[in-house]
Protein backbone atom coordinates (compact mmCIF):
# COMPACT_ATOMS: atom_id res chain seq x y z
CA UNK A 1 -6.68 -3.40 -9.11
CA UNK A 2 -7.64 -5.24 -5.92
CA UNK A 3 -10.01 -3.33 -3.69
CA UNK A 4 -8.71 -2.26 -0.28
CA UNK A 5 -10.33 -4.05 2.65
CA UNK A 6 -12.97 -2.04 4.42
CA UNK A 7 -12.01 -0.23 7.67
CA UNK A 8 -14.13 -2.67 9.62
CA UNK A 9 -12.13 -5.65 8.18
CA UNK A 10 -8.84 -3.97 8.85
CA UNK A 11 -9.76 -3.08 12.36
CA UNK A 12 -10.90 -6.76 12.96
CA UNK A 13 -7.49 -7.84 11.56
CA UNK A 14 -5.65 -5.42 13.85
CA UNK A 15 -7.63 -6.44 16.90
CA UNK A 16 -7.18 -10.19 16.12
CA UNK A 17 -3.44 -9.82 15.29
CA UNK A 18 -2.64 -7.82 18.42
CA UNK A 19 -4.73 -10.11 20.55
CA UNK A 20 -3.02 -13.24 19.27
CA UNK A 21 0.35 -11.58 19.73
CA UNK A 22 -0.43 -10.90 23.36
CA UNK A 23 -1.75 -14.47 23.72
CA UNK A 24 1.44 -15.72 22.46
CA UNK A 25 3.54 -13.59 24.74
CA UNK A 26 1.46 -14.31 27.91
CA UNK A 27 0.73 -17.96 27.09
CA UNK A 28 4.30 -18.95 26.38
CA UNK A 29 5.33 -16.99 29.48
CA UNK A 30 2.93 -18.98 31.67
CA UNK A 31 4.07 -22.24 30.04
CA UNK A 32 7.72 -21.34 30.51
CA UNK A 33 7.06 -20.52 34.18
CA UNK A 34 5.50 -23.99 34.66
CA UNK A 35 8.08 -25.91 32.66
CA UNK A 36 11.31 -24.36 33.82
CA UNK A 37 12.74 -23.07 37.16
CA UNK A 38 15.61 -21.13 35.58
CA UNK A 39 14.70 -17.53 34.68
CA UNK A 40 17.05 -17.43 31.68
CA UNK A 41 15.46 -20.55 30.27
CA UNK A 42 12.01 -19.10 30.72
CA UNK A 43 12.96 -16.06 28.82
CA UNK A 44 14.37 -18.14 26.04
CA UNK A 45 11.20 -20.07 25.77
CA UNK A 46 9.07 -16.90 25.89
CA UNK A 47 11.14 -15.11 23.24
CA UNK A 48 11.25 -18.00 20.90
CA UNK A 49 7.51 -18.50 20.89
CA UNK A 50 7.08 -14.75 20.26
CA UNK A 51 9.55 -14.73 17.36
CA UNK A 52 7.54 -17.36 15.42
CA UNK A 53 4.14 -16.25 16.52
CA UNK A 54 4.79 -12.64 15.38
CA UNK A 55 6.18 -13.54 11.96
CA UNK A 56 3.34 -15.83 11.33
CA UNK A 57 0.69 -13.24 12.28
CA UNK A 58 2.39 -10.60 10.00
CA UNK A 59 2.31 -13.05 7.05
CA UNK A 60 -1.24 -13.92 7.63
CA UNK A 61 -2.88 -10.55 8.28
CA UNK A 62 -0.41 -8.18 6.59
CA UNK A 63 -2.41 -8.31 3.25
CA UNK A 64 -5.58 -7.26 5.23
CA UNK A 65 -4.47 -4.47 7.44
CA UNK A 66 -0.75 -4.04 7.00
CA UNK A 67 -0.20 -6.05 10.33
CA UNK A 68 0.76 -3.08 12.47
CA UNK A 69 -0.58 -4.62 15.87
CA UNK A 70 1.14 -1.65 17.56
CA UNK A 71 -0.23 2.01 18.11
CA UNK A 72 3.11 3.56 17.67
CA UNK A 73 3.63 1.72 14.28
CA UNK A 74 0.30 2.94 13.14
CA UNK A 75 0.96 6.57 14.35
CA UNK A 76 4.33 6.53 12.59
CA UNK A 77 2.67 5.32 9.41
CA UNK A 78 0.05 8.00 9.64
CA UNK A 79 2.58 10.78 10.29
CA UNK A 80 5.31 9.94 7.78
CA UNK A 81 2.71 9.07 5.07
CA UNK A 82 0.85 12.36 5.15
CA UNK A 83 3.00 13.98 2.51
CA UNK A 84 2.73 11.20 0.05
CA UNK A 85 -0.81 10.03 0.80
CA UNK A 86 0.40 6.63 1.70
CA UNK A 87 -0.35 6.81 5.50
CA UNK A 88 -3.36 6.13 7.66
CA UNK A 89 -6.02 8.82 7.56
CA UNK A 90 -6.83 10.21 11.10
CA UNK A 91 -10.08 8.38 11.39
CA UNK A 92 -8.35 5.08 10.54
CA UNK A 93 -5.61 5.78 12.92
CA UNK A 94 -7.99 6.20 15.81
CA UNK A 95 -9.89 3.03 14.87
CA UNK A 96 -6.65 1.03 14.55
CA UNK A 97 -5.34 2.12 17.93
CA UNK A 98 -8.63 1.36 19.67
CA UNK A 99 -8.75 -2.05 18.00
CA UNK A 100 -5.23 -2.83 19.01
CA UNK A 101 -5.79 -2.03 22.62
CA UNK A 102 -8.99 -4.02 22.86
CA UNK A 103 -7.27 -6.99 21.15
CA UNK A 104 -4.31 -6.75 23.54
CA UNK A 105 -6.51 -7.00 26.60
CA UNK A 106 -8.58 -9.77 25.07
CA UNK A 107 -5.29 -11.70 24.24
CA UNK A 108 -4.14 -11.61 27.89
CA UNK A 109 -7.50 -12.76 29.07
CA UNK A 110 -7.51 -15.63 26.54
CA UNK A 111 -4.09 -16.85 27.66
CA UNK A 112 -5.25 -16.73 31.31
CA UNK A 113 -8.35 -18.86 30.40
CA UNK A 114 -6.37 -21.49 28.41
CA UNK A 115 -3.95 -22.03 31.26
CA UNK A 116 -6.70 -21.69 33.95
CA UNK A 117 -4.97 -18.67 35.54
CA UNK A 118 -7.29 -16.14 37.13
CA UNK A 119 -7.44 -12.85 35.18
CA UNK A 120 -5.90 -10.43 37.80
CA UNK A 121 -4.05 -7.13 37.62
CA UNK A 122 -0.30 -7.63 37.28
CA UNK A 123 1.90 -6.86 40.38
CA UNK A 124 5.31 -6.90 38.62
CA UNK A 125 6.78 -3.43 38.75
CA UNK A 126 9.35 -2.93 35.91
CA UNK A 127 10.36 0.76 35.98
CA UNK A 128 13.97 1.77 36.47
CA UNK A 129 16.06 4.17 34.57
CA UNK A 130 17.60 1.34 32.77
CA UNK A 131 14.39 -0.37 31.65
CA UNK A 132 12.89 2.88 30.44
CA UNK A 133 16.12 3.50 28.30
CA UNK A 134 15.65 -0.15 27.11
CA UNK A 135 12.13 0.71 25.86
CA UNK A 136 13.41 3.72 24.06
CA UNK A 137 16.04 1.58 22.36
CA UNK A 138 13.67 -1.25 21.58
CA UNK A 139 10.93 0.95 20.20
CA UNK A 140 13.27 3.14 18.23
CA UNK A 141 14.91 0.08 16.56
CA UNK A 142 11.50 -1.49 15.77
CA UNK A 143 10.25 1.71 14.11
CA UNK A 144 13.37 2.23 12.13
CA UNK A 145 13.38 -1.38 10.97
CA UNK A 146 9.73 -1.31 9.78
CA UNK A 147 9.79 2.05 8.18
CA UNK A 148 13.21 1.35 6.48
CA UNK A 149 12.18 -2.00 5.10
CA UNK A 150 8.92 -0.57 3.84
CA UNK A 151 10.56 2.37 2.19
CA UNK A 152 13.16 0.01 0.76
CA UNK A 153 10.33 -1.95 -0.96
CA UNK A 154 10.96 -5.20 0.80
CA UNK A 155 8.44 -7.96 0.41
CA UNK A 156 6.04 -8.96 3.28
CA UNK A 157 7.79 -12.29 4.05
CA UNK A 158 11.09 -10.41 4.41
CA UNK A 159 9.42 -7.85 6.78
CA UNK A 160 7.77 -10.53 8.80
CA UNK A 161 11.03 -12.46 9.32
CA UNK A 162 13.01 -9.38 10.16
CA UNK A 163 10.51 -8.01 12.61
CA UNK A 164 10.19 -11.37 14.40
CA UNK A 165 13.93 -11.69 14.48
CA UNK A 166 14.38 -8.15 15.89
CA UNK A 167 11.86 -8.56 18.70
CA UNK A 168 13.41 -11.98 19.63
CA UNK A 169 16.83 -10.28 19.88
CA UNK A 170 15.51 -7.32 21.68
CA UNK A 171 14.02 -9.63 24.31
CA UNK A 172 17.69 -10.15 25.22
CA UNK A 173 19.61 -7.06 24.41
CA UNK A 174 17.39 -4.58 25.99
CA UNK A 175 16.90 -4.24 29.80
CA UNK A 176 13.20 -4.05 29.53
CA UNK A 177 12.79 -7.32 27.48
CA UNK A 178 11.41 -5.14 24.64
CA UNK A 179 7.71 -4.49 25.17
CA UNK A 180 7.97 -1.78 22.37
CA UNK A 181 4.23 -1.69 21.97
CA UNK A 182 1.58 0.39 23.98
CA UNK A 183 -1.23 -2.11 23.17
CA UNK A 184 0.88 -5.11 24.24
CA UNK A 185 1.95 -3.20 27.45
CA UNK A 186 -1.77 -2.41 28.32
CA UNK A 187 -2.77 -6.00 27.59
CA UNK A 188 0.02 -7.42 29.88
CA UNK A 189 -1.46 -5.59 32.79
CA UNK A 190 -4.31 -8.08 32.92
CA UNK A 191 -2.23 -11.07 33.79
CA UNK A 192 -0.31 -11.57 36.98
CA UNK A 193 2.17 -14.00 35.46
CA UNK A 194 5.62 -14.14 34.08
CA UNK A 195 4.76 -11.61 31.26
CA UNK A 196 2.74 -9.18 33.46
CA UNK A 197 3.40 -5.56 34.12
CA UNK A 198 1.96 -3.54 37.07
CA UNK A 199 -0.26 -0.54 36.30
CA UNK A 200 2.22 1.75 38.05
CA UNK A 201 4.79 0.80 35.34
CA UNK A 202 2.51 1.40 32.39
CA UNK A 203 2.53 5.23 31.90
CA UNK A 204 6.44 5.37 32.09
CA UNK A 205 6.65 2.59 29.60
CA UNK A 206 4.18 4.30 27.30
CA UNK A 207 6.16 7.49 27.47
CA UNK A 208 9.42 5.76 26.71
CA UNK A 209 7.79 4.02 23.68
CA UNK A 210 6.54 7.25 22.35
CA UNK A 211 10.08 8.73 22.59
CA UNK A 212 11.49 5.65 20.95
CA UNK A 213 8.95 5.78 18.12
CA UNK A 214 9.94 9.53 17.52
CA UNK A 215 13.62 8.64 17.49
CA UNK A 216 12.96 5.68 15.06
CA UNK A 217 10.96 7.77 12.80
CA UNK A 218 13.55 10.56 12.67
CA UNK A 219 16.28 8.03 11.86
CA UNK A 220 14.17 6.57 9.12
CA UNK A 221 13.53 9.93 7.54
CA UNK A 222 17.27 10.65 7.56
CA UNK A 223 18.35 7.15 6.15
CA UNK A 224 15.66 6.35 3.66
CA UNK A 225 14.28 8.14 0.65
CA UNK A 226 10.50 9.27 0.74
CA UNK A 227 8.55 6.71 -1.25
CA UNK A 228 6.78 8.00 -4.35
CA UNK A 229 3.28 9.31 -3.93
CA UNK A 230 0.45 6.89 -4.48
CA UNK A 231 -1.19 7.39 -7.88
CA UNK A 232 -5.04 7.44 -7.30
CA UNK A 233 -5.76 6.50 -10.95
CA UNK A 234 -6.75 2.91 -11.72
CA UNK A 235 -4.41 0.58 -13.37
CA UNK A 236 -6.69 0.56 -16.49
CA UNK A 237 -6.31 4.38 -16.76
CA UNK A 238 -2.59 4.19 -16.57
CA UNK A 239 -2.45 1.46 -19.15
CA UNK A 240 -4.58 3.59 -21.53
CA UNK A 241 -2.14 6.50 -21.00
CA UNK A 242 0.84 4.52 -21.84
CA UNK A 243 -0.77 3.48 -25.10
CA UNK A 244 -1.79 6.91 -26.15
């Protein structure tokens, strides 16, 4: 049986993955802003880069930490996995969340540096009744997708492709352009570019994401069977029992 990576390695994976995700979002937004004058084309360029970048990061880092890259995904994992022993323990959850937020901020700063844009607090205010509803929908759909595919036993490549595709679609079908991630939302405060979000918009967005995560988790519980509890015995022990 392969040993589970240490918490430190998993935290590094979550910080790196979230950081590179934000770098992808912000960097492609800056590039799009420079290359195109049409807002719709900019969003297409930004969303396309995010689709591929997110899928690649999930494939690469999923075997290390599960590739959550999102505090509400980690919280849902911890909550729904409590009864079966499959979820993150409370200590791991706190470490994951902190790593994701730090990574998200670092990712925005990295994108700014690459494109020689000053790191500044964003000024783009995004809160309306419609965008908050969009964040609820985007986060609920993401949570349902990840939990549903996981409970259905889908392989990592399928999950990576599906999550990337969902986020790419949600850029367009939600009014908020689908932040759906508290760490990414906080990270995007630190770039006053196409992908930025003003601090005044952050708390309402986080509240909408929490509501969306709760809706998505509830839908997943109703639609998908609870996975079997993890057997703590080793593979060797189970093999011996089957031969007895």
